[in-house]
């Protein structure tokens, strides 16, 4: 992305005194926007758990639980 300077250009902005100050009664120039600023795009803001990570976590939990059960059965024999 290219960087855009958000500051107004004093030599091209009307209503500014030398040095960039605004005289009494004048409205200051509006802020310019920065294309890099602001919230992310809506498609990048996903909420909740995706199916694949949740499935992998549950699979690991089941395998660990099965290991504990197998260990307990092996101790009884």
C-alpha atoms as a PDB file:
ATOM      1  CA  UNK A   1       0.000   0.000   0.000  1.00  0.00           C
ATOM      2  CA  UNK A   2       1.175   3.467  -0.692  1.00  0.00           C
ATOM      3  CA  UNK A   3       1.224   5.960   2.143  1.00  0.00           C
ATOM      4  CA  UNK A   4      -0.894   9.090   1.759  1.00  0.00           C
ATOM      5  CA  UNK A   5      -0.034  12.107   3.892  1.00  0.00           C
ATOM      6  CA  UNK A   6      -3.214  12.890   5.875  1.00  0.00           C
ATOM      7  CA  UNK A   7      -2.207  16.502   6.616  1.00  0.00           C
ATOM      8  CA  UNK A   8      -3.710  19.273   4.470  1.00  0.00           C
ATOM      9  CA  UNK A   9      -1.334  21.288   2.316  1.00  0.00           C
ATOM     10  CA  UNK A  10      -1.212  24.769   3.929  1.00  0.00           C
ATOM     11  CA  UNK A  11      -0.290  26.548   0.691  1.00  0.00           C
ATOM     12  CA  UNK A  12      -3.357  25.110  -1.073  1.00  0.00           C
ATOM     13  CA  UNK A  13      -5.874  25.337   1.817  1.00  0.00           C
ATOM     14  CA  UNK A  14      -8.051  28.451   1.991  1.00  0.00           C
ATOM     15  CA  UNK A  15      -8.752  30.195   5.279  1.00  0.00           C
ATOM     16  CA  UNK A  16      -5.343  29.577   6.846  1.00  0.00           C
ATOM     17  CA  UNK A  17      -3.006  32.253   8.090  1.00  0.00           C
ATOM     18  CA  UNK A  18       0.734  32.040   7.496  1.00  0.00           C
ATOM     19  CA  UNK A  19       2.102  29.262   9.662  1.00  0.00           C
ATOM     20  CA  UNK A  20      -1.027  27.142   9.313  1.00  0.00           C
ATOM     21  CA  UNK A  21      -3.201  28.655  12.049  1.00  0.00           C
ATOM     22  CA  UNK A  22      -6.909  29.342  11.563  1.00  0.00           C
ATOM     23  CA  UNK A  23      -8.161  32.912  12.051  1.00  0.00           C
ATOM     24  CA  UNK A  24     -11.032  33.513  14.486  1.00  0.00           C
ATOM     25  CA  UNK A  25     -14.415  32.726  12.967  1.00  0.00           C
ATOM     26  CA  UNK A  26     -13.033  30.397  10.295  1.00  0.00           C
ATOM     27  CA  UNK A  27     -13.787  26.717  10.132  1.00  0.00           C
ATOM     28  CA  UNK A  28     -10.620  24.625  10.123  1.00  0.00           C
ATOM     29  CA  UNK A  29     -10.099  22.293   7.173  1.00  0.00           C
ATOM     30  CA  UNK A  30     -11.533  18.815   7.541  1.00  0.00           C
ATOM     31  CA  UNK A  31      -9.273  15.914   8.291  1.00  0.00           C
ATOM     32  CA  UNK A  32      -8.348  13.827   5.325  1.00  0.00           C
ATOM     33  CA  UNK A  33      -8.794  10.100   5.615  1.00  0.00           C
ATOM     34  CA  UNK A  34      -6.066   7.524   5.620  1.00  0.00           C
ATOM     35  CA  UNK A  35      -6.733   4.408   3.550  1.00  0.00           C
ATOM     36  CA  UNK A  36      -4.783   2.259   6.044  1.00  0.00           C
ATOM     37  CA  UNK A  37      -6.879   3.359   9.023  1.00  0.00           C
ATOM     38  CA  UNK A  38     -10.214   2.040  10.203  1.00  0.00           C
ATOM     39  CA  UNK A  39     -11.717  -1.337  10.952  1.00  0.00           C
ATOM     40  CA  UNK A  40     -10.979  -4.415   8.927  1.00  0.00           C
ATOM     41  CA  UNK A  41     -13.253  -5.580   6.157  1.00  0.00           C
ATOM     42  CA  UNK A  42     -16.426  -7.355   7.258  1.00  0.00           C
ATOM     43  CA  UNK A  43     -15.361 -10.697   5.765  1.00  0.00           C
ATOM     44  CA  UNK A  44     -12.210 -10.696   7.910  1.00  0.00           C
ATOM     45  CA  UNK A  45     -14.225 -10.345  11.122  1.00  0.00           C
ATOM     46  CA  UNK A  46     -15.407 -13.853  11.772  1.00  0.00           C
ATOM     47  CA  UNK A  47     -16.844 -14.804  15.107  1.00  0.00           C
ATOM     48  CA  UNK A  48     -17.044 -18.141  16.830  1.00  0.00           C
ATOM     49  CA  UNK A  49     -15.110 -21.318  16.271  1.00  0.00           C
ATOM     50  CA  UNK A  50     -14.580 -22.757  12.831  1.00  0.00           C
ATOM     51  CA  UNK A  51     -15.573 -26.389  12.340  1.00  0.00           C
ATOM     52  CA  UNK A  52     -12.078 -27.774  11.631  1.00  0.00           C
ATOM     53  CA  UNK A  53     -10.253 -26.417  14.729  1.00  0.00           C
ATOM     54  CA  UNK A  54     -13.145 -27.415  16.983  1.00  0.00           C
ATOM     55  CA  UNK A  55     -13.158 -30.928  15.508  1.00  0.00           C
ATOM     56  CA  UNK A  56      -9.392 -31.283  15.997  1.00  0.00           C
ATOM     57  CA  UNK A  57      -9.620 -30.131  19.617  1.00  0.00           C
ATOM     58  CA  UNK A  58     -12.437 -32.584  20.342  1.00  0.00           C
ATOM     59  CA  UNK A  59     -10.470 -35.391  18.662  1.00  0.00           C
ATOM     60  CA  UNK A  60      -7.428 -34.705  20.847  1.00  0.00           C
ATOM     61  CA  UNK A  61      -9.607 -34.661  23.985  1.00  0.00           C
ATOM     62  CA  UNK A  62     -11.217 -37.990  23.046  1.00  0.00           C
ATOM     63  CA  UNK A  63      -7.822 -39.583  22.350  1.00  0.00           C
ATOM     64  CA  UNK A  64      -6.429 -38.415  25.687  1.00  0.00           C
ATOM     65  CA  UNK A  65      -9.522 -39.676  27.522  1.00  0.00           C
ATOM     66  CA  UNK A  66      -9.221 -43.035  25.726  1.00  0.00           C
ATOM     67  CA  UNK A  67      -5.579 -43.205  26.797  1.00  0.00           C
ATOM     68  CA  UNK A  68      -6.520 -42.657  30.438  1.00  0.00           C
ATOM     69  CA  UNK A  69      -9.212 -45.330  30.226  1.00  0.00           C
ATOM     70  CA  UNK A  70      -6.777 -47.792  28.614  1.00  0.00           C
ATOM     71  CA  UNK A  71      -4.184 -47.026  31.306  1.00  0.00           C
ATOM     72  CA  UNK A  72      -6.755 -47.590  34.073  1.00  0.00           C
ATOM     73  CA  UNK A  73      -7.825 -50.923  32.512  1.00  0.00           C
ATOM     74  CA  UNK A  74      -4.173 -51.993  32.199  1.00  0.00           C
ATOM     75  CA  UNK A  75      -3.605 -51.267  35.911  1.00  0.00           C
ATOM     76  CA  UNK A  76      -6.591 -53.438  36.874  1.00  0.00           C
ATOM     77  CA  UNK A  77      -5.392 -56.472  34.975  1.00  0.00           C
END
